[in-house]
Amino acid sequence: MDMTSLPDGAGPRCRAAPWGAVGAGPVTASFNGLKHELIARHLPALWRRVDPATVLDLRLRAVDALLRRCLGDEAVASAEMAEAAELALRAGEACG
């Protein structure tokens, strides 16, 4: 499976994949501009079609491919990139 095999319009709702199979409330509360009724109607079908762990894996692989295409393998594998990732992780964890 790849991102193109997800249902049409799944992209915005896939941003919630790291949280697990949450309902429409947390998704619309967290991502401004999404219509609650639309999310409530389509999100359950998305989670039935593909589990959140698979969506997250697809997103991470897509980001990895994009970074490698834009920056090159050497930059992505560099010590500086590893340090930046560690700092970003710590900053995110500090947010609670």
Protein backbone atom coordinates (compact mmCIF):
# COMPACT_ATOMS: atom_id res chain seq x y z
CA MET A 1 0.00 0.00 0.00
CA ASP A 2 1.11 3.55 -0.65
CA MET A 3 -0.44 6.97 -0.06
CA THR A 4 -2.12 6.88 -3.49
CA SER A 5 -4.19 3.85 -2.45
CA LEU A 6 -5.90 5.73 0.38
CA PRO A 7 -9.45 6.99 -0.22
CA ASP A 8 -9.86 10.36 -1.93
CA GLY A 9 -9.63 13.19 0.58
CA ALA A 10 -7.93 11.03 3.21
CA GLY A 11 -4.81 13.17 3.34
CA PRO A 12 -5.95 15.80 5.86
CA ARG A 13 -7.52 13.18 8.11
CA CYS A 14 -4.34 11.09 8.00
CA ARG A 15 -2.55 13.77 10.00
CA ALA A 16 -4.25 12.30 13.07
CA ALA A 17 -2.82 8.81 12.48
CA PRO A 18 -0.18 9.08 15.25
CA TRP A 19 -3.05 9.35 17.78
CA GLY A 20 -4.63 6.06 16.78
CA ALA A 21 -8.17 5.58 15.52
CA VAL A 22 -9.57 8.73 17.11
CA GLY A 23 -12.97 10.14 16.27
CA ALA A 24 -13.93 13.32 14.48
CA GLY A 25 -13.90 15.51 17.61
CA PRO A 26 -10.13 15.50 18.24
CA VAL A 27 -9.39 15.75 14.52
CA THR A 28 -11.55 18.80 13.87
CA ALA A 29 -10.48 20.42 17.14
CA SER A 30 -6.80 20.03 16.27
CA PHE A 31 -6.77 20.90 12.59
CA ASN A 32 -8.44 24.22 11.97
CA GLY A 33 -10.47 24.48 8.81
CA LEU A 34 -11.80 20.93 8.69
CA LYS A 35 -15.58 20.67 8.69
CA HIS A 36 -16.67 18.46 11.61
CA GLU A 37 -19.63 16.93 9.77
CA LEU A 38 -17.43 15.93 6.84
CA ILE A 39 -14.78 14.39 9.09
CA ALA A 40 -17.43 12.59 11.17
CA ARG A 41 -18.91 11.11 8.02
CA HIS A 42 -15.65 9.89 6.44
CA LEU A 43 -13.16 9.19 9.24
CA PRO A 44 -14.71 5.91 10.45
CA ALA A 45 -14.58 4.51 6.91
CA LEU A 46 -10.93 5.53 6.62
CA TRP A 47 -10.02 3.68 9.83
CA ARG A 48 -11.94 0.61 8.59
CA ARG A 49 -9.97 0.65 5.35
CA VAL A 50 -6.51 1.25 6.79
CA ASP A 51 -5.29 1.24 10.38
CA PRO A 52 -3.56 4.31 11.86
CA ALA A 53 -0.20 2.53 12.21
CA THR A 54 -0.16 1.83 8.47
CA VAL A 55 -1.07 5.44 7.67
CA LEU A 56 1.70 6.70 9.94
CA ASP A 57 4.21 4.33 8.34
CA LEU A 58 3.17 5.57 4.88
CA ARG A 59 3.54 9.20 5.96
CA LEU A 60 7.01 8.58 7.45
CA ARG A 61 8.18 6.78 4.30
CA ALA A 62 6.82 9.60 2.12
CA VAL A 63 8.65 12.23 4.19
CA ASP A 64 11.86 10.20 4.09
CA ALA A 65 11.63 9.91 0.29
CA LEU A 66 10.93 13.64 -0.05
CA LEU A 67 13.86 14.64 2.17
CA ARG A 68 16.20 12.30 0.31
CA ARG A 69 15.05 13.65 -3.06
CA CYS A 70 15.38 17.29 -1.96
CA LEU A 71 18.47 17.10 0.27
CA GLY A 72 20.24 13.93 -0.85
CA ASP A 73 21.03 10.73 1.00
CA GLU A 74 24.23 12.12 2.50
CA ALA A 75 22.48 15.07 4.16
CA VAL A 76 19.65 12.90 5.49
CA ALA A 77 22.15 10.40 6.97
CA SER A 78 24.42 13.11 8.42
CA ALA A 79 25.22 13.66 12.08
CA GLU A 80 23.73 17.15 11.79
CA MET A 81 20.39 15.74 10.63
CA ALA A 82 20.43 13.22 13.48
CA GLU A 83 21.09 16.05 15.94
CA ALA A 84 18.28 18.16 14.45
CA ALA A 85 15.90 15.20 14.72
CA GLU A 86 16.88 14.62 18.35
CA LEU A 87 16.33 18.29 19.20
CA ALA A 88 12.94 18.29 17.47
CA LEU A 89 11.95 15.14 19.34
CA ARG A 90 12.95 16.65 22.69
CA ALA A 91 11.07 19.86 21.91
CA GLY A 92 7.95 17.89 21.01
CA GLU A 93 8.19 15.77 24.15
CA ALA A 94 8.54 18.89 26.28
CA CYS A 95 5.17 20.07 25.00
CA GLY A 96 3.53 17.26 26.88
